[in-house]
Amino acid sequence: MEHLLGLLRVRVQKGVNLAIRDVTARTSDPYVVIKMGKQKLKTRVVKNSTNPEWNEDLTLSIADPTLPVNIHVYDKDTFTLDDKMGDAEFEIGPFLEALRVRVQGVPSGTVLSRVQPSRQNCLAEESCIIYTDGQVVQNMCIRLRNVERGELELQLQWIDIPGSRGL
């Protein structure tokens, strides 16, 4: 436990305009896989949708905050290998920096930091790190790479764990 900093909850909210992989049905059966280091987590499959809504929380244990979070989207197939529907990655450094800011007395809804899209971070638009309802969260819209189209909407939230070395 003492080597852990804490937990990162990644809420996979939804996919927007994802690629069509089931050509006959003109849709896809997408699911998301999140990897960080040796950890690998996945959402459920949403049938027949290129705009799926998961609203699922996937929780990563953070020991090395310099590792990127890798995201892969796949189309579930019954009889063949699942088709790739794009990938992305992002760093959690800016989010962890914002967590270190003292937020006592700060009104809910206060923007603590903004992360601009760049070639390095896969953001589709500016990402705000916000203090809301006693929590620091980061809302992200991630543009998928290696695919003709598609974005994912995510939200990051930090969970302190007793006995960890903390931030």
N, C-alpha and C. Protein backbone atom coordinates (compact mmCIF):
# COMPACT_ATOMS: atom_id res chain seq x y z
N MET A 1 0.81 -1.20 0.00
CA MET A 1 0.00 0.00 0.00
C MET A 1 0.85 1.26 0.00
N GLU A 2 1.99 1.22 0.72
CA GLU A 2 2.76 2.44 0.88
C GLU A 2 3.40 2.92 -0.42
N HIS A 3 3.48 2.06 -1.46
CA HIS A 3 4.02 2.52 -2.73
C HIS A 3 2.96 3.22 -3.59
N LEU A 4 1.68 3.09 -3.22
CA LEU A 4 0.62 3.73 -3.99
C LEU A 4 0.45 5.19 -3.59
N LEU A 5 0.15 6.03 -4.60
CA LEU A 5 -0.20 7.43 -4.33
C LEU A 5 -1.68 7.55 -3.99
N GLY A 6 -2.48 6.73 -4.64
CA GLY A 6 -3.93 6.77 -4.48
C GLY A 6 -4.60 6.10 -5.66
N LEU A 7 -5.89 6.37 -5.82
CA LEU A 7 -6.66 5.76 -6.91
C LEU A 7 -7.17 6.84 -7.86
N LEU A 8 -7.19 6.51 -9.14
CA LEU A 8 -7.74 7.40 -10.16
C LEU A 8 -9.00 6.75 -10.70
N ARG A 9 -10.14 7.41 -10.46
CA ARG A 9 -11.40 6.91 -11.01
C ARG A 9 -11.61 7.58 -12.36
N VAL A 10 -11.72 6.75 -13.39
CA VAL A 10 -11.98 7.24 -14.75
C VAL A 10 -13.42 6.89 -15.08
N ARG A 11 -14.26 7.92 -15.16
CA ARG A 11 -15.65 7.67 -15.58
C ARG A 11 -15.69 7.77 -17.10
N VAL A 12 -15.97 6.62 -17.73
CA VAL A 12 -16.13 6.58 -19.18
C VAL A 12 -17.60 6.94 -19.41
N GLN A 13 -17.84 8.18 -19.84
CA GLN A 13 -19.21 8.66 -19.96
C GLN A 13 -19.85 8.20 -21.26
N LYS A 14 -19.25 8.60 -22.40
CA LYS A 14 -19.88 8.22 -23.67
C LYS A 14 -18.91 8.34 -24.83
N GLY A 15 -19.30 7.72 -25.93
CA GLY A 15 -18.59 7.85 -27.20
C GLY A 15 -19.42 8.72 -28.12
N VAL A 16 -18.74 9.48 -28.97
CA VAL A 16 -19.43 10.38 -29.89
C VAL A 16 -18.95 10.11 -31.31
N ASN A 17 -19.90 9.79 -32.19
CA ASN A 17 -19.61 9.61 -33.61
C ASN A 17 -18.49 8.59 -33.84
N LEU A 18 -18.58 7.43 -33.18
CA LEU A 18 -17.56 6.39 -33.34
C LEU A 18 -17.68 5.75 -34.72
N ALA A 19 -16.61 5.10 -35.12
CA ALA A 19 -16.54 4.48 -36.45
C ALA A 19 -17.53 3.31 -36.57
N ILE A 20 -18.01 3.12 -37.77
CA ILE A 20 -18.88 1.97 -38.08
C ILE A 20 -17.98 0.79 -38.41
N ARG A 21 -18.17 -0.33 -37.71
CA ARG A 21 -17.37 -1.53 -37.97
C ARG A 21 -18.22 -2.72 -38.41
N ASP A 22 -19.54 -2.71 -38.10
CA ASP A 22 -20.43 -3.75 -38.60
C ASP A 22 -21.09 -3.18 -39.85
N VAL A 23 -20.47 -3.43 -41.01
CA VAL A 23 -20.87 -2.76 -42.25
C VAL A 23 -22.30 -3.11 -42.64
N THR A 24 -22.69 -4.37 -42.49
CA THR A 24 -24.05 -4.76 -42.90
C THR A 24 -25.11 -4.07 -42.04
N ALA A 25 -24.83 -3.93 -40.73
CA ALA A 25 -25.80 -3.28 -39.84
C ALA A 25 -25.60 -1.76 -39.78
N ARG A 26 -24.50 -1.25 -40.36
CA ARG A 26 -24.16 0.18 -40.38
C ARG A 26 -24.04 0.75 -38.95
N THR A 27 -23.45 -0.04 -38.06
CA THR A 27 -23.28 0.39 -36.67
C THR A 27 -22.08 -0.34 -36.07
N SER A 28 -21.95 -0.30 -34.76
CA SER A 28 -20.88 -1.01 -34.06
C SER A 28 -21.39 -1.45 -32.69
N ASP A 29 -20.62 -2.34 -32.05
CA ASP A 29 -20.90 -2.81 -30.69
C ASP A 29 -19.67 -2.46 -29.84
N PRO A 30 -19.51 -1.17 -29.48
CA PRO A 30 -18.26 -0.72 -28.88
C PRO A 30 -18.11 -1.01 -27.38
N TYR A 31 -16.84 -1.15 -27.00
CA TYR A 31 -16.44 -1.17 -25.60
C TYR A 31 -15.08 -0.51 -25.50
N VAL A 32 -14.73 -0.06 -24.28
CA VAL A 32 -13.49 0.68 -24.06
C VAL A 32 -12.58 -0.12 -23.13
N VAL A 33 -11.29 -0.15 -23.48
CA VAL A 33 -10.26 -0.76 -22.63
C VAL A 33 -9.32 0.35 -22.19
N ILE A 34 -9.08 0.44 -20.87
CA ILE A 34 -8.15 1.43 -20.33
C ILE A 34 -6.96 0.67 -19.74
N LYS A 35 -5.76 1.10 -20.13
CA LYS A 35 -4.54 0.47 -19.64
C LYS A 35 -3.62 1.53 -19.04
N MET A 36 -2.97 1.14 -17.94
CA MET A 36 -1.92 1.98 -17.35
C MET A 36 -0.92 1.03 -16.72
N GLY A 37 0.30 1.02 -17.25
CA GLY A 37 1.28 0.06 -16.76
C GLY A 37 0.76 -1.35 -17.01
N LYS A 38 0.69 -2.17 -15.96
CA LYS A 38 0.21 -3.55 -16.10
C LYS A 38 -1.29 -3.68 -15.84
N GLN A 39 -1.96 -2.58 -15.51
CA GLN A 39 -3.40 -2.63 -15.23
C GLN A 39 -4.19 -2.53 -16.53
N LYS A 40 -5.27 -3.28 -16.59
CA LYS A 40 -6.14 -3.27 -17.77
C LYS A 40 -7.58 -3.44 -17.31
N LEU A 41 -8.43 -2.47 -17.66
CA LEU A 41 -9.83 -2.48 -17.26
C LEU A 41 -10.69 -2.25 -18.49
N LYS A 42 -11.94 -2.77 -18.48
CA LYS A 42 -12.80 -2.52 -19.64
C LYS A 42 -14.25 -2.30 -19.25
N THR A 43 -14.94 -1.57 -20.13
CA THR A 43 -16.36 -1.29 -19.95
C THR A 43 -17.17 -2.46 -20.52
N ARG A 44 -18.46 -2.39 -20.31
CA ARG A 44 -19.36 -3.35 -20.94
C ARG A 44 -19.51 -2.98 -22.42
N VAL A 45 -20.02 -3.90 -23.20
CA VAL A 45 -20.30 -3.66 -24.62
C VAL A 45 -21.67 -2.99 -24.74
N VAL A 46 -21.74 -1.93 -25.57
CA VAL A 46 -23.03 -1.31 -25.88
C VAL A 46 -23.38 -1.74 -27.30
N LYS A 47 -24.47 -2.46 -27.44
CA LYS A 47 -24.87 -3.02 -28.73
C LYS A 47 -25.43 -1.95 -29.67
N ASN A 48 -25.08 -2.08 -30.94
CA ASN A 48 -25.67 -1.30 -32.04
C ASN A 48 -25.66 0.20 -31.80
N SER A 49 -24.47 0.76 -31.57
CA SER A 49 -24.40 2.20 -31.34
C SER A 49 -23.05 2.77 -31.77
N THR A 50 -23.10 3.91 -32.43
CA THR A 50 -21.88 4.67 -32.70
C THR A 50 -21.81 5.89 -31.77
N ASN A 51 -22.83 6.04 -30.90
CA ASN A 51 -22.86 7.08 -29.87
C ASN A 51 -23.23 6.44 -28.53
N PRO A 52 -22.42 5.48 -28.07
CA PRO A 52 -22.77 4.73 -26.86
C PRO A 52 -22.65 5.56 -25.58
N GLU A 53 -23.47 5.23 -24.60
CA GLU A 53 -23.37 5.82 -23.26
C GLU A 53 -23.06 4.70 -22.28
N TRP A 54 -21.89 4.79 -21.66
CA TRP A 54 -21.48 3.78 -20.68
C TRP A 54 -21.75 4.28 -19.26
N ASN A 55 -21.29 5.48 -18.94
CA ASN A 55 -21.35 6.03 -17.58
C ASN A 55 -20.84 5.02 -16.56
N GLU A 56 -19.66 4.44 -16.88
CA GLU A 56 -19.03 3.44 -16.02
C GLU A 56 -17.77 3.99 -15.38
N ASP A 57 -17.57 3.65 -14.11
CA ASP A 57 -16.36 4.05 -13.39
C ASP A 57 -15.35 2.91 -13.41
N LEU A 58 -14.16 3.20 -13.92
CA LEU A 58 -13.05 2.26 -13.91
C LEU A 58 -11.96 2.87 -13.03
N THR A 59 -11.43 2.10 -12.08
CA THR A 59 -10.51 2.65 -11.09
C THR A 59 -9.12 2.07 -11.22
N LEU A 60 -8.14 2.95 -11.42
CA LEU A 60 -6.74 2.57 -11.56
C LEU A 60 -5.98 2.88 -10.26
N SER A 61 -5.09 1.98 -9.86
CA SER A 61 -4.18 2.23 -8.73
C SER A 61 -2.98 3.00 -9.27
N ILE A 62 -2.66 4.13 -8.67
CA ILE A 62 -1.57 4.97 -9.18
C ILE A 62 -0.35 4.85 -8.27
N ALA A 63 0.70 4.26 -8.82
CA ALA A 63 2.00 4.19 -8.13
C ALA A 63 3.00 5.10 -8.84
N ASP A 64 2.96 5.10 -10.17
CA ASP A 64 3.86 5.92 -10.98
C ASP A 64 3.04 6.92 -11.79
N PRO A 65 2.95 8.17 -11.34
CA PRO A 65 2.10 9.16 -12.02
C PRO A 65 2.65 9.62 -13.37
N THR A 66 3.86 9.18 -13.74
CA THR A 66 4.41 9.59 -15.04
C THR A 66 3.95 8.66 -16.17
N LEU A 67 3.35 7.52 -15.82
CA LEU A 67 2.86 6.61 -16.87
C LEU A 67 1.63 7.20 -17.53
N PRO A 68 1.53 7.10 -18.87
CA PRO A 68 0.32 7.59 -19.54
C PRO A 68 -0.84 6.61 -19.34
N VAL A 69 -2.05 7.12 -19.44
CA VAL A 69 -3.25 6.28 -19.47
C VAL A 69 -3.56 6.04 -20.95
N ASN A 70 -3.61 4.77 -21.34
CA ASN A 70 -3.90 4.39 -22.73
C ASN A 70 -5.34 3.92 -22.84
N ILE A 71 -5.99 4.35 -23.90
CA ILE A 71 -7.39 4.01 -24.15
C ILE A 71 -7.49 3.35 -25.52
N HIS A 72 -8.22 2.25 -25.58
CA HIS A 72 -8.49 1.56 -26.84
C HIS A 72 -9.98 1.30 -26.92
N VAL A 73 -10.56 1.55 -28.09
CA VAL A 73 -11.97 1.27 -28.31
C VAL A 73 -12.05 0.14 -29.33
N TYR A 74 -12.90 -0.83 -29.04
CA TYR A 74 -13.08 -2.00 -29.91
C TYR A 74 -14.55 -2.22 -30.23
N ASP A 75 -14.78 -2.90 -31.35
CA ASP A 75 -16.11 -3.36 -31.73
C ASP A 75 -16.17 -4.85 -31.42
N LYS A 76 -17.10 -5.26 -30.58
CA LYS A 76 -17.25 -6.67 -30.19
C LYS A 76 -17.80 -7.48 -31.35
N ASP A 77 -17.09 -8.55 -31.71
CA ASP A 77 -17.54 -9.46 -32.75
C ASP A 77 -17.72 -10.85 -32.14
N THR A 78 -18.68 -11.58 -32.65
CA THR A 78 -18.98 -12.90 -32.09
C THR A 78 -18.03 -13.98 -32.60
N PHE A 79 -17.80 -14.00 -33.91
CA PHE A 79 -17.05 -15.11 -34.50
C PHE A 79 -15.64 -14.77 -34.96
N THR A 80 -15.28 -13.50 -34.93
CA THR A 80 -13.95 -13.08 -35.36
C THR A 80 -13.32 -12.22 -34.27
N LEU A 81 -12.04 -11.86 -34.45
CA LEU A 81 -11.39 -10.96 -33.50
C LEU A 81 -12.11 -9.62 -33.48
N ASP A 82 -12.16 -9.00 -32.32
CA ASP A 82 -12.80 -7.70 -32.20
C ASP A 82 -12.05 -6.67 -33.04
N ASP A 83 -12.81 -5.79 -33.70
CA ASP A 83 -12.23 -4.77 -34.57
C ASP A 83 -11.78 -3.57 -33.75
N LYS A 84 -10.65 -2.98 -34.15
CA LYS A 84 -10.18 -1.75 -33.51
C LYS A 84 -11.01 -0.58 -33.99
N MET A 85 -11.33 0.31 -33.04
CA MET A 85 -12.11 1.51 -33.36
C MET A 85 -11.38 2.76 -32.91
N GLY A 86 -10.06 2.67 -32.75
CA GLY A 86 -9.27 3.84 -32.39
C GLY A 86 -8.65 3.71 -31.02
N ASP A 87 -7.70 4.61 -30.74
CA ASP A 87 -7.00 4.63 -29.47
C ASP A 87 -6.61 6.06 -29.14
N ALA A 88 -6.17 6.25 -27.90
CA ALA A 88 -5.73 7.57 -27.44
C ALA A 88 -4.91 7.36 -26.18
N GLU A 89 -4.25 8.44 -25.75
CA GLU A 89 -3.58 8.39 -24.45
C GLU A 89 -3.55 9.80 -23.87
N PHE A 90 -3.44 9.84 -22.54
CA PHE A 90 -3.32 11.13 -21.88
C PHE A 90 -2.47 10.97 -20.63
N GLU A 91 -1.91 12.10 -20.19
CA GLU A 91 -1.09 12.14 -18.98
C GLU A 91 -1.96 12.64 -17.83
N ILE A 92 -1.66 12.19 -16.61
CA ILE A 92 -2.43 12.64 -15.46
C ILE A 92 -1.71 13.73 -14.66
N GLY A 93 -0.51 14.11 -15.10
CA GLY A 93 0.28 15.14 -14.41
C GLY A 93 -0.46 16.43 -14.12
N PRO A 94 -1.11 17.05 -15.12
CA PRO A 94 -1.82 18.31 -14.86
C PRO A 94 -2.95 18.15 -13.83
N PHE A 95 -3.62 17.00 -13.86
CA PHE A 95 -4.69 16.73 -12.90
C PHE A 95 -4.12 16.61 -11.49
N LEU A 96 -3.01 15.89 -11.35
CA LEU A 96 -2.38 15.72 -10.03
C LEU A 96 -1.86 17.05 -9.49
N GLU A 97 -1.34 17.91 -10.38
CA GLU A 97 -0.88 19.24 -9.95
C GLU A 97 -2.05 20.05 -9.38
N ALA A 98 -3.19 20.00 -10.05
CA ALA A 98 -4.36 20.75 -9.58
C ALA A 98 -4.86 20.21 -8.24
N LEU A 99 -4.69 18.92 -7.99
CA LEU A 99 -5.11 18.32 -6.72
C LEU A 99 -4.31 18.87 -5.55
N ARG A 100 -3.09 19.31 -5.82
CA ARG A 100 -2.21 19.81 -4.75
C ARG A 100 -2.57 21.24 -4.32
N VAL A 101 -3.42 21.91 -5.10
CA VAL A 101 -3.84 23.28 -4.79
C VAL A 101 -4.76 23.26 -3.57
N ARG A 102 -4.58 24.18 -2.66
CA ARG A 102 -5.46 24.29 -1.48
C ARG A 102 -6.82 24.82 -1.93
N VAL A 103 -7.88 24.07 -1.64
CA VAL A 103 -9.21 24.46 -2.12
C VAL A 103 -10.17 24.85 -0.99
N GLN A 104 -9.67 25.02 0.23
CA GLN A 104 -10.55 25.45 1.31
C GLN A 104 -11.17 26.81 0.98
N GLY A 105 -12.48 26.90 1.13
CA GLY A 105 -13.16 28.17 0.91
C GLY A 105 -13.40 28.50 -0.56
N VAL A 106 -12.99 27.64 -1.46
CA VAL A 106 -13.20 27.88 -2.90
C VAL A 106 -14.64 27.49 -3.24
N PRO A 107 -15.38 28.35 -3.95
CA PRO A 107 -16.76 28.00 -4.29
C PRO A 107 -16.83 26.83 -5.28
N SER A 108 -17.87 26.02 -5.14
CA SER A 108 -18.10 24.90 -6.06
C SER A 108 -18.25 25.45 -7.48
N GLY A 109 -17.65 24.77 -8.43
CA GLY A 109 -17.69 25.21 -9.82
C GLY A 109 -16.47 26.01 -10.24
N THR A 110 -15.53 26.24 -9.32
CA THR A 110 -14.32 27.01 -9.62
C THR A 110 -13.39 26.21 -10.53
N VAL A 111 -12.94 26.83 -11.63
CA VAL A 111 -11.96 26.19 -12.51
C VAL A 111 -10.58 26.39 -11.90
N LEU A 112 -9.90 25.29 -11.58
CA LEU A 112 -8.57 25.34 -10.97
C LEU A 112 -7.47 25.42 -12.02
N SER A 113 -7.72 24.78 -13.17
CA SER A 113 -6.71 24.73 -14.23
C SER A 113 -7.37 24.36 -15.54
N ARG A 114 -6.68 24.69 -16.62
CA ARG A 114 -7.17 24.33 -17.96
C ARG A 114 -6.03 23.65 -18.71
N VAL A 115 -6.35 22.58 -19.42
CA VAL A 115 -5.35 21.88 -20.24
C VAL A 115 -5.75 22.07 -21.70
N GLN A 116 -4.83 22.63 -22.47
CA GLN A 116 -5.12 22.92 -23.88
C GLN A 116 -4.84 21.69 -24.74
N PRO A 117 -5.62 21.50 -25.82
CA PRO A 117 -5.34 20.40 -26.73
C PRO A 117 -3.99 20.60 -27.41
N SER A 118 -3.28 19.49 -27.63
CA SER A 118 -2.01 19.55 -28.35
C SER A 118 -1.77 18.22 -29.05
N ARG A 119 -0.72 18.15 -29.83
CA ARG A 119 -0.39 16.90 -30.52
C ARG A 119 -0.02 15.80 -29.54
N GLN A 120 0.36 16.17 -28.32
CA GLN A 120 0.82 15.18 -27.34
C GLN A 120 -0.31 14.57 -26.50
N ASN A 121 -1.48 15.23 -26.40
CA ASN A 121 -2.44 14.77 -25.39
C ASN A 121 -3.77 14.21 -25.89
N CYS A 122 -4.03 14.20 -27.17
CA CYS A 122 -5.26 13.63 -27.75
C CYS A 122 -6.54 14.36 -27.35
N LEU A 123 -6.43 15.52 -26.69
CA LEU A 123 -7.64 16.26 -26.33
C LEU A 123 -8.29 16.85 -27.59
N ALA A 124 -9.61 16.75 -27.67
CA ALA A 124 -10.35 17.33 -28.80
C ALA A 124 -10.65 18.80 -28.53
N GLU A 125 -10.68 19.18 -27.26
CA GLU A 125 -10.98 20.56 -26.87
C GLU A 125 -10.34 20.83 -25.52
N GLU A 126 -10.37 22.09 -25.09
CA GLU A 126 -9.82 22.45 -23.79
C GLU A 126 -10.46 21.60 -22.69
N SER A 127 -9.64 21.14 -21.77
CA SER A 127 -10.11 20.32 -20.66
C SER A 127 -9.97 21.10 -19.36
N CYS A 128 -11.08 21.25 -18.63
CA CYS A 128 -11.07 22.02 -17.39
C CYS A 128 -10.98 21.09 -16.18
N ILE A 129 -10.15 21.49 -15.23
CA ILE A 129 -10.06 20.82 -13.94
C ILE A 129 -10.81 21.71 -12.95
N ILE A 130 -11.87 21.15 -12.36
CA ILE A 130 -12.85 21.95 -11.62
C ILE A 130 -13.01 21.42 -10.20
N TYR A 131 -13.18 22.36 -9.25
CA TYR A 131 -13.56 22.00 -7.89
C TYR A 131 -15.07 22.04 -7.83
N THR A 132 -15.69 20.89 -7.58
CA THR A 132 -17.15 20.84 -7.54
C THR A 132 -17.62 19.86 -6.47
N ASP A 133 -18.55 20.30 -5.64
CA ASP A 133 -19.13 19.46 -4.59
C ASP A 133 -18.07 18.76 -3.74
N GLY A 134 -17.03 19.51 -3.36
CA GLY A 134 -16.01 18.96 -2.48
C GLY A 134 -14.99 18.06 -3.15
N GLN A 135 -15.04 17.94 -4.48
CA GLN A 135 -14.12 17.08 -5.23
C GLN A 135 -13.44 17.88 -6.33
N VAL A 136 -12.24 17.45 -6.70
CA VAL A 136 -11.57 18.00 -7.88
C VAL A 136 -11.77 16.98 -9.00
N VAL A 137 -12.34 17.43 -10.11
CA VAL A 137 -12.58 16.55 -11.26
C VAL A 137 -12.02 17.19 -12.53
N GLN A 138 -11.68 16.34 -13.48
CA GLN A 138 -11.25 16.83 -14.79
C GLN A 138 -12.17 16.22 -15.84
N ASN A 139 -12.80 17.08 -16.62
CA ASN A 139 -13.64 16.63 -17.73
C ASN A 139 -12.81 16.67 -19.00
N MET A 140 -12.86 15.57 -19.76
CA MET A 140 -12.03 15.48 -20.97
C MET A 140 -12.86 14.97 -22.15
N CYS A 141 -12.60 15.55 -23.30
CA CYS A 141 -13.12 15.02 -24.56
C CYS A 141 -11.89 14.60 -25.35
N ILE A 142 -11.74 13.29 -25.54
CA ILE A 142 -10.55 12.70 -26.16
C ILE A 142 -10.84 12.34 -27.61
N ARG A 143 -9.99 12.80 -28.52
CA ARG A 143 -10.13 12.43 -29.94
C ARG A 143 -9.35 11.14 -30.17
N LEU A 144 -10.03 10.15 -30.75
CA LEU A 144 -9.39 8.87 -31.02
C LEU A 144 -8.45 8.97 -32.21
N ARG A 145 -7.31 8.24 -32.12
CA ARG A 145 -6.32 8.20 -33.20
C ARG A 145 -6.47 6.88 -33.97
N ASN A 146 -5.80 6.83 -35.11
CA ASN A 146 -5.72 5.61 -35.92
C ASN A 146 -7.10 5.09 -36.33
N VAL A 147 -8.00 6.01 -36.60
CA VAL A 147 -9.37 5.68 -37.00
C VAL A 147 -9.93 6.89 -37.74
N GLU A 148 -10.96 6.68 -38.54
CA GLU A 148 -11.48 7.79 -39.33
C GLU A 148 -12.24 8.83 -38.51
N ARG A 149 -12.78 8.44 -37.35
CA ARG A 149 -13.53 9.42 -36.56
C ARG A 149 -13.80 8.86 -35.17
N GLY A 150 -14.24 9.74 -34.27
CA GLY A 150 -14.70 9.31 -32.96
C GLY A 150 -14.02 10.03 -31.81
N GLU A 151 -14.81 10.28 -30.76
CA GLU A 151 -14.33 10.91 -29.53
C GLU A 151 -14.93 10.19 -28.34
N LEU A 152 -14.24 10.30 -27.20
CA LEU A 152 -14.75 9.77 -25.93
C LEU A 152 -14.83 10.90 -24.92
N GLU A 153 -15.87 10.90 -24.12
CA GLU A 153 -15.99 11.86 -23.02
C GLU A 153 -15.72 11.12 -21.72
N LEU A 154 -14.73 11.66 -20.97
CA LEU A 154 -14.27 11.04 -19.73
C LEU A 154 -14.29 12.06 -18.61
N GLN A 155 -14.31 11.56 -17.38
CA GLN A 155 -14.13 12.42 -16.22
C GLN A 155 -13.17 11.72 -15.25
N LEU A 156 -12.16 12.47 -14.78
CA LEU A 156 -11.21 11.94 -13.82
C LEU A 156 -11.55 12.43 -12.42
N GLN A 157 -11.37 11.54 -11.44
CA GLN A 157 -11.59 11.91 -10.03
C GLN A 157 -10.55 11.16 -9.20
N TRP A 158 -10.01 11.80 -8.20
CA TRP A 158 -8.98 11.20 -7.34
C TRP A 158 -9.61 10.63 -6.07
N ILE A 159 -9.10 9.48 -5.64
CA ILE A 159 -9.54 8.87 -4.38
C ILE A 159 -8.31 8.64 -3.51
N ASP A 160 -8.26 9.31 -2.35
CA ASP A 160 -7.18 9.05 -1.40
C ASP A 160 -7.45 7.73 -0.70
N ILE A 161 -6.39 6.97 -0.45
CA ILE A 161 -6.58 5.72 0.30
C ILE A 161 -5.72 5.74 1.55
N PRO A 162 -6.31 5.33 2.68
CA PRO A 162 -5.55 5.30 3.94
C PRO A 162 -4.34 4.37 3.80
N GLY A 163 -3.21 4.80 4.32
CA GLY A 163 -2.00 3.98 4.27
C GLY A 163 -1.17 4.17 3.01
N SER A 164 -1.69 4.97 2.05
CA SER A 164 -0.90 5.24 0.84
C SER A 164 0.05 6.39 1.13
N ARG A 165 1.02 6.59 0.23
CA ARG A 165 1.95 7.69 0.47
C ARG A 165 1.35 9.04 0.07
N GLY A 166 0.23 9.02 -0.64
CA GLY A 166 -0.50 10.24 -0.98
C GLY A 166 0.26 11.13 -1.95
N LEU A 167 -0.38 12.25 -2.26
CA LEU A 167 0.23 13.20 -3.21
C LEU A 167 1.21 14.08 -2.45
